[in-house]
Structure formats: structure tokens, C-alpha cells
PDB file of N, CA and C in Angstrom:
ATOM      1  N   MET A   1      90.141  89.471 146.350  1.00  0.00           N
ATOM      2  CA  MET A   1      90.710  90.550 145.571  1.00  0.00           C
ATOM      3  C   MET A   1      89.756  90.883 144.440  1.00  0.00           C
ATOM      4  N   ALA A   2      89.448  92.133 144.296  1.00  0.00           N
ATOM      5  CA  ALA A   2      88.506  92.582 143.277  1.00  0.00           C
ATOM      6  C   ALA A   2      89.196  92.655 141.925  1.00  0.00           C
ATOM      7  N   ARG A   3      88.468  92.277 140.915  1.00  0.00           N
ATOM      8  CA  ARG A   3      89.000  92.371 139.549  1.00  0.00           C
ATOM      9  C   ARG A   3      88.679  93.735 138.979  1.00  0.00           C
ATOM     10  N   LYS A   4      89.627  94.277 138.316  1.00  0.00           N
ATOM     11  CA  LYS A   4      89.413  95.553 137.641  1.00  0.00           C
ATOM     12  C   LYS A   4      89.228  95.278 136.166  1.00  0.00           C
ATOM     13  N   SER A   5      88.239  95.869 135.614  1.00  0.00           N
ATOM     14  CA  SER A   5      88.085  95.706 134.173  1.00  0.00           C
ATOM     15  C   SER A   5      88.855  96.830 133.493  1.00  0.00           C
ATOM     16  N   ILE A   6      89.524  96.429 132.470  1.00  0.00           N
ATOM     17  CA  ILE A   6      90.308  97.405 131.715  1.00  0.00           C
ATOM     18  C   ILE A   6      89.468  97.852 130.533  1.00  0.00           C
ATOM     19  N   GLY A   7      89.031  99.056 130.579  1.00  0.00           N
ATOM     20  CA  GLY A   7      88.198  99.600 129.504  1.00  0.00           C
ATOM     21  C   GLY A   7      89.029 100.440 128.570  1.00  0.00           C
ATOM     22  N   ARG A   8      88.445 100.746 127.476  1.00  0.00           N
ATOM     23  CA  ARG A   8      89.119 101.612 126.514  1.00  0.00           C
ATOM     24  C   ARG A   8      88.616 103.028 126.730  1.00  0.00           C
ATOM     25  N   SER A   9      89.440 103.827 127.333  1.00  0.00           N
ATOM     26  CA  SER A   9      89.029 105.197 127.602  1.00  0.00           C
ATOM     27  C   SER A   9      89.151 106.076 126.362  1.00  0.00           C
ATOM     28  N   ALA A  10      90.040 105.721 125.513  1.00  0.00           N
ATOM     29  CA  ALA A  10      90.215 106.478 124.267  1.00  0.00           C
ATOM     30  C   ALA A  10      90.510 105.486 123.151  1.00  0.00           C
ATOM     31  N   ALA A  11      89.933 105.725 122.016  1.00  0.00           N
ATOM     32  CA  ALA A  11      90.169 104.842 120.869  1.00  0.00           C
ATOM     33  C   ALA A  11      91.610 104.998 120.410  1.00  0.00           C
ATOM     34  N   ALA A  12      92.243 103.878 120.151  1.00  0.00           N
ATOM     35  CA  ALA A  12      93.609 103.914 119.645  1.00  0.00           C
ATOM     36  C   ALA A  12      93.603 104.408 118.208  1.00  0.00           C
ATOM     37  N   GLU A  13      94.492 105.330 117.932  1.00  0.00           N
ATOM     38  CA  GLU A  13      94.572 105.868 116.579  1.00  0.00           C
ATOM     39  C   GLU A  13      95.809 105.302 115.907  1.00  0.00           C
ATOM     40  N   ILE A  14      95.622 104.725 114.763  1.00  0.00           N
ATOM     41  CA  ILE A  14      96.722 104.136 114.015  1.00  0.00           C
ATOM     42  C   ILE A  14      96.936 104.961 112.760  1.00  0.00           C
ATOM     43  N   THR A  15      98.175 105.380 112.571  1.00  0.00           N
ATOM     44  CA  THR A  15      98.520 106.164 111.393  1.00  0.00           C
ATOM     45  C   THR A  15      99.525 105.379 110.569  1.00  0.00           C
ATOM     46  N   ARG A  16      99.232 105.212 109.299  1.00  0.00           N
ATOM     47  CA  ARG A  16     100.154 104.499 108.411  1.00  0.00           C
ATOM     48  C   ARG A  16     101.382 105.373 108.182  1.00  0.00           C
ATOM     49  N   GLY A  17     102.549 104.762 108.324  1.00  0.00           N
ATOM     50  CA  GLY A  17     103.800 105.473 108.129  1.00  0.00           C
ATOM     51  C   GLY A  17     104.096 105.679 106.650  1.00  0.00           C
ATOM     52  N   SER A  18     105.017 106.570 106.390  1.00  0.00           N
ATOM     53  CA  SER A  18     105.389 106.890 105.011  1.00  0.00           C
ATOM     54  C   SER A  18     106.438 105.927 104.458  1.00  0.00           C
ATOM     55  N   GLY A  19     107.026 105.123 105.342  1.00  0.00           N
ATOM     56  CA  GLY A  19     108.150 104.277 104.937  1.00  0.00           C
ATOM     57  C   GLY A  19     109.482 104.885 105.353  1.00  0.00           C
ATOM     58  N   ASN A  20     109.444 106.124 105.812  1.00  0.00           N
ATOM     59  CA  ASN A  20     110.635 106.804 106.309  1.00  0.00           C
ATOM     60  C   ASN A  20     110.306 107.341 107.700  1.00  0.00           C
ATOM     61  N   VAL A  21     110.777 106.627 108.720  1.00  0.00           N
ATOM     62  CA  VAL A  21     110.460 107.007 110.096  1.00  0.00           C
ATOM     63  C   VAL A  21     110.964 108.411 110.421  1.00  0.00           C
ATOM     64  N   PHE A  22     112.076 108.820 109.810  1.00  0.00           N
ATOM     65  CA  PHE A  22     112.617 110.149 110.073  1.00  0.00           C
ATOM     66  C   PHE A  22     111.676 111.236 109.541  1.00  0.00           C
ATOM     67  N   ALA A  23     111.079 111.001 108.382  1.00  0.00           N
ATOM     68  CA  ALA A  23     110.097 111.946 107.840  1.00  0.00           C
ATOM     69  C   ALA A  23     108.846 111.953 108.712  1.00  0.00           C
ATOM     70  N   ASP A  24     108.436 110.768 109.157  1.00  0.00           N
ATOM     71  CA  ASP A  24     107.258 110.672 110.015  1.00  0.00           C
ATOM     72  C   ASP A  24     107.451 111.436 111.316  1.00  0.00           C
ATOM     73  N   LEU A  25     108.708 111.529 111.780  1.00  0.00           N
ATOM     74  CA  LEU A  25     109.013 112.271 113.001  1.00  0.00           C
ATOM     75  C   LEU A  25     109.252 113.757 112.729  1.00  0.00           C
ATOM     76  N   GLY A  26     109.171 114.158 111.450  1.00  0.00           N
ATOM     77  CA  GLY A  26     109.293 115.567 111.083  1.00  0.00           C
ATOM     78  C   GLY A  26     110.720 116.096 111.031  1.00  0.00           C
ATOM     79  N   MET A  27     111.691 115.215 110.877  1.00  0.00           N
ATOM     80  CA  MET A  27     113.087 115.660 110.822  1.00  0.00           C
ATOM     81  C   MET A  27     113.387 116.291 109.464  1.00  0.00           C
ATOM     82  N   ALA A  28     114.113 117.394 109.492  1.00  0.00           N
ATOM     83  CA  ALA A  28     114.409 118.151 108.268  1.00  0.00           C
ATOM     84  C   ALA A  28     115.267 117.359 107.282  1.00  0.00           C
ATOM     85  N   ASP A  29     116.181 116.560 107.784  1.00  0.00           N
ATOM     86  CA  ASP A  29     117.102 115.811 106.928  1.00  0.00           C
ATOM     87  C   ASP A  29     116.701 114.340 106.810  1.00  0.00           C
ATOM     88  N   ALA A  30     115.414 114.098 106.738  1.00  0.00           N
ATOM     89  CA  ALA A  30     114.871 112.733 106.774  1.00  0.00           C
ATOM     90  C   ALA A  30     115.384 111.856 105.634  1.00  0.00           C
ATOM     91  N   GLU A  31     115.438 112.374 104.437  1.00  0.00           N
ATOM     92  CA  GLU A  31     115.882 111.573 103.288  1.00  0.00           C
ATOM     93  C   GLU A  31     117.337 111.139 103.462  1.00  0.00           C
ATOM     94  N   GLU A  32     118.185 112.064 103.893  1.00  0.00           N
ATOM     95  CA  GLU A  32     119.595 111.734 104.093  1.00  0.00           C
ATOM     96  C   GLU A  32     119.754 110.706 105.211  1.00  0.00           C
ATOM     97  N   ARG A  33     119.037 110.872 106.304  1.00  0.00           N
ATOM     98  CA  ARG A  33     119.121 109.916 107.416  1.00  0.00           C
ATOM     99  C   ARG A  33     118.683 108.520 106.979  1.00  0.00           C
ATOM    100  N   GLN A  34     117.596 108.454 106.236  1.00  0.00           N
ATOM    101  CA  GLN A  34     117.096 107.160 105.760  1.00  0.00           C
ATOM    102  C   GLN A  34     118.096 106.510 104.802  1.00  0.00           C
ATOM    103  N   THR A  35     118.681 107.303 103.927  1.00  0.00           N
ATOM    104  CA  THR A  35     119.674 106.788 102.977  1.00  0.00           C
ATOM    105  C   THR A  35     120.891 106.252 103.719  1.00  0.00           C
ATOM    106  N   LYS A  36     121.385 107.012 104.697  1.00  0.00           N
ATOM    107  CA  LYS A  36     122.531 106.565 105.472  1.00  0.00           C
ATOM    108  C   LYS A  36     122.209 105.287 106.243  1.00  0.00           C
ATOM    109  N   LEU A  37     121.023 105.216 106.797  1.00  0.00           N
ATOM    110  CA  LEU A  37     120.620 104.028 107.551  1.00  0.00           C
ATOM    111  C   LEU A  37     120.608 102.792 106.656  1.00  0.00           C
ATOM    112  N   ARG A  38     120.046 102.920 105.482  1.00  0.00           N
ATOM    113  CA  ARG A  38     119.978 101.766 104.575  1.00  0.00           C
ATOM    114  C   ARG A  38     121.356 101.360 104.063  1.00  0.00           C
ATOM    115  N   LEU A  39     122.224 102.325 103.811  1.00  0.00           N
ATOM    116  CA  LEU A  39     123.590 101.996 103.397  1.00  0.00           C
ATOM    117  C   LEU A  39     124.344 101.303 104.538  1.00  0.00           C
ATOM    118  N   ALA A  40     124.174 101.796 105.758  1.00  0.00           N
ATOM    119  CA  ALA A  40     124.825 101.166 106.909  1.00  0.00           C
ATOM    120  C   ALA A  40     124.282  99.750 107.124  1.00  0.00           C
ATOM    121  N   TYR A  41     122.987  99.577 106.909  1.00  0.00           N
ATOM    122  CA  TYR A  41     122.409  98.237 107.027  1.00  0.00           C
ATOM    123  C   TYR A  41     123.063  97.290 106.011  1.00  0.00           C
ATOM    124  N   ALA A  42     123.216  97.759 104.780  1.00  0.00           N
ATOM    125  CA  ALA A  42     123.862  96.939 103.749  1.00  0.00           C
ATOM    126  C   ALA A  42     125.295  96.606 104.155  1.00  0.00           C
ATOM    127  N   LEU A  43     126.022  97.570 104.703  1.00  0.00           N
ATOM    128  CA  LEU A  43     127.382  97.313 105.186  1.00  0.00           C
ATOM    129  C   LEU A  43     127.377  96.239 106.266  1.00  0.00           C
ATOM    130  N   ASN A  44     126.463  96.350 107.206  1.00  0.00           N
ATOM    131  CA  ASN A  44     126.397  95.376 108.296  1.00  0.00           C
ATOM    132  C   ASN A  44     126.038  93.983 107.804  1.00  0.00           C
ATOM    133  N   VAL A  45     125.191  93.898 106.798  1.00  0.00           N
ATOM    134  CA  VAL A  45     124.851  92.593 106.219  1.00  0.00           C
ATOM    135  C   VAL A  45     126.095  91.961 105.596  1.00  0.00           C
ATOM    136  N   VAL A  46     126.866  92.743 104.853  1.00  0.00           N
ATOM    137  CA  VAL A  46     128.079  92.224 104.218  1.00  0.00           C
ATOM    138  C   VAL A  46     129.094  91.789 105.285  1.00  0.00           C
ATOM    139  N   ILE A  47     129.264  92.588 106.317  1.00  0.00           N
ATOM    140  CA  ILE A  47     130.194  92.244 107.398  1.00  0.00           C
ATOM    141  C   ILE A  47     129.751  90.946 108.089  1.00  0.00           C
ATOM    142  N   ASP A  48     128.448  90.827 108.331  1.00  0.00           N
ATOM    143  CA  ASP A  48     127.926  89.609 108.965  1.00  0.00           C
ATOM    144  C   ASP A  48     128.135  88.388 108.079  1.00  0.00           C
ATOM    145  N   ARG A  49     127.808  88.522 106.806  1.00  0.00           N
ATOM    146  CA  ARG A  49     127.946  87.386 105.885  1.00  0.00           C
ATOM    147  C   ARG A  49     129.393  86.933 105.750  1.00  0.00           C
ATOM    148  N   ALA A  50     130.326  87.893 105.815  1.00  0.00           N
ATOM    149  CA  ALA A  50     131.745  87.560 105.715  1.00  0.00           C
ATOM    150  C   ALA A  50     132.311  87.112 107.072  1.00  0.00           C
ATOM    151  N   ARG A  51     131.483  87.198 108.100  1.00  0.00           N
ATOM    152  CA  ARG A  51     131.880  86.809 109.463  1.00  0.00           C
ATOM    153  C   ARG A  51     133.144  87.537 109.909  1.00  0.00           C
ATOM    154  N   LEU A  52     133.165  88.843 109.610  1.00  0.00           N
ATOM    155  CA  LEU A  52     134.331  89.653 109.976  1.00  0.00           C
ATOM    156  C   LEU A  52     134.194  90.178 111.396  1.00  0.00           C
ATOM    157  N   SER A  53     135.283  90.114 112.139  1.00  0.00           N
ATOM    158  CA  SER A  53     135.324  90.781 113.440  1.00  0.00           C
ATOM    159  C   SER A  53     135.391  92.286 113.171  1.00  0.00           C
ATOM    160  N   GLN A  54     135.188  93.082 114.207  1.00  0.00           N
ATOM    161  CA  GLN A  54     135.301  94.523 114.014  1.00  0.00           C
ATOM    162  C   GLN A  54     136.712  94.904 113.594  1.00  0.00           C
ATOM    163  N   ALA A  55     137.703  94.233 114.156  1.00  0.00           N
ATOM    164  CA  ALA A  55     139.094  94.533 113.785  1.00  0.00           C
ATOM    165  C   ALA A  55     139.351  94.173 112.325  1.00  0.00           C
ATOM    166  N   ALA A  56     138.858  93.012 111.890  1.00  0.00           N
ATOM    167  CA  ALA A  56     139.055  92.600 110.497  1.00  0.00           C
ATOM    168  C   ALA A  56     138.290  93.525 109.550  1.00  0.00           C
ATOM    169  N   ALA A  57     137.079  93.910 109.935  1.00  0.00           N
ATOM    170  CA  ALA A  57     136.300  94.840 109.110  1.00  0.00           C
ATOM    171  C   ALA A  57     137.020  96.180 109.010  1.00  0.00           C
ATOM    172  N   ALA A  58     137.577  96.646 110.125  1.00  0.00           N
ATOM    173  CA  ALA A  58     138.309  97.917 110.127  1.00  0.00           C
ATOM    174  C   ALA A  58     139.482  97.861 109.160  1.00  0.00           C
ATOM    175  N   ALA A  59     140.209  96.750 109.166  1.00  0.00           N
ATOM    176  CA  ALA A  59     141.357  96.598 108.261  1.00  0.00           C
ATOM    177  C   ALA A  59     140.901  96.626 106.807  1.00  0.00           C
ATOM    178  N   ARG A  60     139.807  95.943 106.491  1.00  0.00           N
ATOM    179  CA  ARG A  60     139.306  95.919 105.110  1.00  0.00           C
ATOM    180  C   ARG A  60     138.760  97.278 104.685  1.00  0.00           C
ATOM    181  N   LEU A  61     138.141  97.984 105.620  1.00  0.00           N
ATOM    182  CA  LEU A  61     137.517  99.264 105.301  1.00  0.00           C
ATOM    183  C   LEU A  61     138.493 100.437 105.347  1.00  0.00           C
ATOM    184  N   GLY A  62     139.645 100.235 105.968  1.00  0.00           N
ATOM    185  CA  GLY A  62     140.612 101.319 106.092  1.00  0.00           C
ATOM    186  C   GLY A  62     140.218 102.355 107.127  1.00  0.00           C
ATOM    187  N   ILE A  63     139.480 101.928 108.140  1.00  0.00           N
ATOM    188  CA  ILE A  63     139.084 102.822 109.232  1.00  0.00           C
ATOM    189  C   ILE A  63     139.451 102.132 110.543  1.00  0.00           C
ATOM    190  N   ASN A  64     139.341 102.857 111.658  1.00  0.00           N
ATOM    191  CA  ASN A  64     139.680 102.230 112.928  1.00  0.00           C
ATOM    192  C   ASN A  64     138.479 101.467 113.517  1.00  0.00           C
ATOM    193  N   GLN A  65     138.769 100.619 114.482  1.00  0.00           N
ATOM    194  CA  GLN A  65     137.736  99.765 115.073  1.00  0.00           C
ATOM    195  C   GLN A  65     136.611 100.566 115.731  1.00  0.00           C
ATOM    196  N   PRO A  66     136.893 101.672 116.435  1.00  0.00           N
ATOM    197  CA  PRO A  66     135.774 102.429 117.010  1.00  0.00           C
ATOM    198  C   PRO A  66     134.777 102.929 115.948  1.00  0.00           C
ATOM    199  N   LYS A  67     135.277 103.239 114.750  1.00  0.00           N
ATOM    200  CA  LYS A  67     134.366 103.666 113.676  1.00  0.00           C
ATOM    201  C   LYS A  67     133.527 102.488 113.191  1.00  0.00           C
ATOM    202  N   VAL A  68     134.116 101.294 113.147  1.00  0.00           N
ATOM    203  CA  VAL A  68     133.345 100.099 112.794  1.00  0.00           C
ATOM    204  C   VAL A  68     132.277  99.869 113.853  1.00  0.00           C
ATOM    205  N   SER A  69     132.627 100.048 115.115  1.00  0.00           N
ATOM    206  CA  SER A  69     131.657  99.902 116.198  1.00  0.00           C
ATOM    207  C   SER A  69     130.502 100.882 116.018  1.00  0.00           C
ATOM    208  N   ALA A  70     130.820 102.109 115.653  1.00  0.00           N
ATOM    209  CA  ALA A  70     129.767 103.108 115.404  1.00  0.00           C
ATOM    210  C   ALA A  70     128.852 102.652 114.270  1.00  0.00           C
ATOM    211  N   LEU A  71     129.446 102.139 113.186  1.00  0.00           N
ATOM    212  CA  LEU A  71     128.643 101.620 112.067  1.00  0.00           C
ATOM    213  C   LEU A  71     127.758 100.464 112.518  1.00  0.00           C
ATOM    214  N   ARG A  72     128.322  99.546 113.288  1.00  0.00           N
ATOM    215  CA  ARG A  72     127.586  98.365 113.735  1.00  0.00           C
ATOM    216  C   ARG A  72     126.411  98.752 114.628  1.00  0.00           C
ATOM    217  N   ASN A  73     126.546  99.896 115.304  1.00  0.00           N
ATOM    218  CA  ASN A  73     125.490 100.371 116.194  1.00  0.00           C
ATOM    219  C   ASN A  73     124.656 101.496 115.577  1.00  0.00           C
ATOM    220  N   TYR A  74     124.831 101.709 114.269  1.00  0.00           N
ATOM    221  CA  TYR A  74     124.073 102.701 113.503  1.00  0.00           C
ATOM    222  C   TYR A  74     124.203 104.112 114.065  1.00  0.00           C
ATOM    223  N   LYS A  75     125.378 104.418 114.580  1.00  0.00           N
ATOM    224  CA  LYS A  75     125.690 105.780 115.009  1.00  0.00           C
ATOM    225  C   LYS A  75     126.399 106.435 113.837  1.00  0.00           C
ATOM    226  N   LEU A  76     125.640 107.097 112.992  1.00  0.00           N
ATOM    227  CA  LEU A  76     126.117 107.484 111.664  1.00  0.00           C
ATOM    228  C   LEU A  76     126.433 108.970 111.521  1.00  0.00           C
ATOM    229  N   GLU A  77     126.492 109.688 112.624  1.00  0.00           N
ATOM    230  CA  GLU A  77     126.720 111.136 112.556  1.00  0.00           C
ATOM    231  C   GLU A  77     128.001 111.502 111.815  1.00  0.00           C
ATOM    232  N   GLY A  78     129.056 110.710 111.946  1.00  0.00           N
ATOM    233  CA  GLY A  78     130.337 111.042 111.319  1.00  0.00           C
ATOM    234  C   GLY A  78     130.525 110.469 109.928  1.00  0.00           C
ATOM    235  N   PHE A  79     129.458 109.917 109.344  1.00  0.00           N
ATOM    236  CA  PHE A  79     129.568 109.281 108.035  1.00  0.00           C
ATOM    237  C   PHE A  79     128.653 109.979 107.034  1.00  0.00           C
ATOM    238  N   SER A  80     129.214 110.327 105.889  1.00  0.00           N
ATOM    239  CA  SER A  80     128.394 110.898 104.810  1.00  0.00           C
ATOM    240  C   SER A  80     127.855 109.750 103.958  1.00  0.00           C
ATOM    241  N   VAL A  81     126.880 110.037 103.138  1.00  0.00           N
ATOM    242  CA  VAL A  81     126.352 109.052 102.195  1.00  0.00           C
ATOM    243  C   VAL A  81     127.479 108.583 101.277  1.00  0.00           C
ATOM    244  N   GLU A  82     128.284 109.523 100.798  1.00  0.00           N
ATOM    245  CA  GLU A  82     129.400 109.171  99.902  1.00  0.00           C
ATOM    246  C   GLU A  82     130.395 108.237 100.592  1.00  0.00           C
ATOM    247  N   ARG A  83     130.706 108.522 101.835  1.00  0.00           N
ATOM    248  CA  ARG A  83     131.665 107.681 102.558  1.00  0.00           C
ATOM    249  C   ARG A  83     131.111 106.268 102.760  1.00  0.00           C
ATOM    250  N   LEU A  84     129.838 106.157 103.083  1.00  0.00           N
ATOM    251  CA  LEU A  84     129.231 104.837 103.259  1.00  0.00           C
ATOM    252  C   LEU A  84     129.275 104.041 101.956  1.00  0.00           C
ATOM    253  N   MET A  85     129.056 104.721 100.827  1.00  0.00           N
ATOM    254  CA  MET A  85     129.140 104.036  99.537  1.00  0.00           C
ATOM    255  C   MET A  85     130.572 103.579  99.263  1.00  0.00           C
ATOM    256  N   THR A  86     131.548 104.406  99.611  1.00  0.00           N
ATOM    257  CA  THR A  86     132.957 104.039  99.438  1.00  0.00           C
ATOM    258  C   THR A  86     133.316 102.839 100.313  1.00  0.00           C
ATOM    259  N   LEU A  87     132.771 102.781 101.512  1.00  0.00           N
ATOM    260  CA  LEU A  87     133.017 101.637 102.399  1.00  0.00           C
ATOM    261  C   LEU A  87     132.415 100.359 101.815  1.00  0.00           C
ATOM    262  N   LEU A  88     131.258 100.472 101.199  1.00  0.00           N
ATOM    263  CA  LEU A  88     130.674  99.308 100.526  1.00  0.00           C
ATOM    264  C   LEU A  88     131.586  98.837  99.396  1.00  0.00           C
ATOM    265  N   ASN A  89     132.146  99.764  98.644  1.00  0.00           N
ATOM    266  CA  ASN A  89     133.104  99.405  97.589  1.00  0.00           C
ATOM    267  C   ASN A  89     134.315  98.671  98.166  1.00  0.00           C
ATOM    268  N   ALA A  90     134.776  99.105  99.345  1.00  0.00           N
ATOM    269  CA  ALA A  90     135.926  98.462  99.984  1.00  0.00           C
ATOM    270  C   ALA A  90     135.633  97.015 100.356  1.00  0.00           C
ATOM    271  N   LEU A  91     134.349  96.678 100.482  1.00  0.00           N
ATOM    272  CA  LEU A  91     133.950  95.298 100.769  1.00  0.00           C
ATOM    273  C   LEU A  91     133.500  94.583  99.494  1.00  0.00           C
ATOM    274  N   ASP A  92     133.994  95.065  98.347  1.00  0.00           N
ATOM    275  CA  ASP A  92     133.716  94.467  97.036  1.00  0.00           C
ATOM    276  C   ASP A  92     132.245  94.497  96.650  1.00  0.00           C
ATOM    277  N   GLN A  93     131.563  95.551  97.057  1.00  0.00           N
ATOM    278  CA  GLN A  93     130.153  95.716  96.694  1.00  0.00           C
ATOM    279  C   GLN A  93     130.036  96.844  95.680  1.00  0.00           C
ATOM    280  N   ASP A  94     129.361  96.588  94.570  1.00  0.00           N
ATOM    281  CA  ASP A  94     129.053  97.652  93.623  1.00  0.00           C
ATOM    282  C   ASP A  94     127.921  98.489  94.189  1.00  0.00           C
ATOM    283  N   VAL A  95     127.977  99.786  93.958  1.00  0.00           N
ATOM    284  CA  VAL A  95     126.902 100.695  94.339  1.00  0.00           C
ATOM    285  C   VAL A  95     126.435 101.358  93.053  1.00  0.00           C
ATOM    286  N   GLU A  96     125.178 101.222  92.751  1.00  0.00           N
ATOM    287  CA  GLU A  96     124.614 101.750  91.517  1.00  0.00           C
ATOM    288  C   GLU A  96     123.582 102.812  91.859  1.00  0.00           C
ATOM    289  N   ILE A  97     123.685 103.956  91.221  1.00  0.00           N
ATOM    290  CA  ILE A  97     122.731 105.044  91.427  1.00  0.00           C
ATOM    291  C   ILE A  97     121.887 105.162  90.165  1.00  0.00           C
ATOM    292  N   VAL A  98     120.581 105.071  90.326  1.00  0.00           N
ATOM    293  CA  VAL A  98     119.651 105.148  89.197  1.00  0.00           C
ATOM    294  C   VAL A  98     118.786 106.394  89.392  1.00  0.00           C
ATOM    295  N   ILE A  99     118.708 107.206  88.365  1.00  0.00           N
ATOM    296  CA  ILE A  99     117.887 108.415  88.422  1.00  0.00           C
ATOM    297  C   ILE A  99     116.753 108.259  87.419  1.00  0.00           C
ATOM    298  N   ARG A 100     115.528 108.480  87.894  1.00  0.00           N
ATOM    299  CA  ARG A 100     114.361 108.379  87.007  1.00  0.00           C
ATOM    300  C   ARG A 100     113.283 109.354  87.469  1.00  0.00           C
ATOM    301  N   LYS A 101     112.404 109.663  86.536  1.00  0.00           N
ATOM    302  CA  LYS A 101     111.289 110.559  86.832  1.00  0.00           C
ATOM    303  C   LYS A 101     110.350 109.867  87.814  1.00  0.00           C
ATOM    304  N   LYS A 102     109.854 110.623  88.786  1.00  0.00           N
ATOM    305  CA  LYS A 102     108.925 110.048  89.761  1.00  0.00           C
ATOM    306  C   LYS A 102     107.580 109.780  89.093  1.00  0.00           C
ATOM    307  N   PRO A 103     106.857 108.785  89.578  1.00  0.00           N
ATOM    308  CA  PRO A 103     105.533 108.530  89.009  1.00  0.00           C
ATOM    309  C   PRO A 103     104.558 109.660  89.365  1.00  0.00           C
ATOM    310  N   ARG A 104     103.613 109.901  88.505  1.00  0.00           N
ATOM    311  CA  ARG A 104     102.617 110.951  88.758  1.00  0.00           C
ATOM    312  C   ARG A 104     101.780 110.652  89.993  1.00  0.00           C
ATOM    313  N   SER A 105     101.671 109.385  90.328  1.00  0.00           N
ATOM    314  CA  SER A 105     100.842 108.991  91.465  1.00  0.00           C
ATOM    315  C   SER A 105     101.457 109.373  92.814  1.00  0.00           C
ATOM    316  N   ARG A 106     102.741 109.712  92.831  1.00  0.00           N
ATOM    317  CA  ARG A 106     103.412 110.085  94.074  1.00  0.00           C
ATOM    318  C   ARG A 106     103.595 111.590  94.111  1.00  0.00           C
ATOM    319  N   ALA A 107     103.311 112.213  95.252  1.00  0.00           N
ATOM    320  CA  ALA A 107     103.375 113.673  95.372  1.00  0.00           C
ATOM    321  C   ALA A 107     104.798 114.217  95.278  1.00  0.00           C
ATOM    322  N   ALA A 108     105.748 113.549  95.906  1.00  0.00           N
ATOM    323  CA  ALA A 108     107.116 114.082  95.957  1.00  0.00           C
ATOM    324  C   ALA A 108     108.119 113.043  95.470  1.00  0.00           C
ATOM    325  N   ALA A 109     109.205 113.540  94.928  1.00  0.00           N
ATOM    326  CA  ALA A 109     110.309 112.659  94.545  1.00  0.00           C
ATOM    327  C   ALA A 109     110.982 112.172  95.822  1.00  0.00           C
ATOM    328  N   ARG A 110     111.715 111.063  95.736  1.00  0.00           N
ATOM    329  CA  ARG A 110     112.361 110.509  96.923  1.00  0.00           C
ATOM    330  C   ARG A 110     113.711 109.898  96.571  1.00  0.00           C
ATOM    331  N   ILE A 111     114.461 109.630  97.596  1.00  0.00           N
ATOM    332  CA  ILE A 111     115.732 108.923  97.481  1.00  0.00           C
ATOM    333  C   ILE A 111     115.513 107.557  98.113  1.00  0.00           C
ATOM    334  N   SER A 112     115.975 106.500  97.444  1.00  0.00           N
ATOM    335  CA  SER A 112     115.827 105.174  98.036  1.00  0.00           C
ATOM    336  C   SER A 112     117.086 104.363  97.804  1.00  0.00           C
ATOM    337  N   VAL A 113     117.320 103.435  98.709  1.00  0.00           N
ATOM    338  CA  VAL A 113     118.446 102.505  98.615  1.00  0.00           C
ATOM    339  C   VAL A 113     117.841 101.117  98.567  1.00  0.00           C
ATOM    340  N   VAL A 114     118.217 100.358  97.547  1.00  0.00           N
ATOM    341  CA  VAL A 114     117.721  98.999  97.388  1.00  0.00           C
ATOM    342  C   VAL A 114     118.933  98.081  97.307  1.00  0.00           C
ATOM    343  N   ALA A 115     119.033  97.161  98.242  1.00  0.00           N
ATOM    344  CA  ALA A 115     120.139  96.196  98.224  1.00  0.00           C
ATOM    345  C   ALA A 115     119.694  94.953  97.489  1.00  0.00           C
ATOM    346  N   ALA A 116     120.542  94.481  96.588  1.00  0.00           N
ATOM    347  CA  ALA A 116     120.202  93.280  95.814  1.00  0.00           C
ATOM    348  C   ALA A 116     120.605  92.039  96.557  1.00  0.00           C
TER     349      ALA A 116
END
């Protein structure tokens, strides 16, 4: 059996991401999607740490189990940023919003979620 050598026909191009995959993909609502994703991640961390079943999480959050399933699977179309923050409050999590001037070194202002 003959061996085939695998050559590089084209140089691989690596592009550094911006930190927001939705912006990198050119989505118009990238900041909102990223914010919702990070809030949902924080919700899932709290649910995991509390070892809540979906039914127990639904009872604590005041939503039905299919909505908890959507959150657990990051299907966030039916959730606003405000609603996700309210759900975090329902799990005894404080949500703090800090507004500050962007640094001159950055071209555009941004929205970020930082979980403590």
C-alpha cells in the first residue's frame, strides 16, 4: 500500500476573536446575545451548585420545566436580559450593573457580564 504524504496546499489562517463569537460572526444583535449567554451560564452554574433538578429549579424560578430545559440548553430566544436577571434574583443572586466610561484604548463601548 502506497503512503500518501499530506501536504499543506494552503496556509492556515488564524484570526484572533474579539471575545464575542456573535460579533465575530457578524450578527446584528451580538452584544445582547453575548449578554444573554453569560447570564444563562451564571444561572446554570447556580442550578448545578445547588444540585437542583429541572423540576426543582422551575419551582424556585417560577417558570415551567420546559423553560428550565431551554435555559439548560442555552435556547434563549424567549428570554430577555431583564428576565434572566430576575431569574438570577429568584435563586438568591444579586445582579449588579456598573456603568463606566470606556477606555481610550478601545474603539467601541461594550456590554459585559462578570460573575463573581
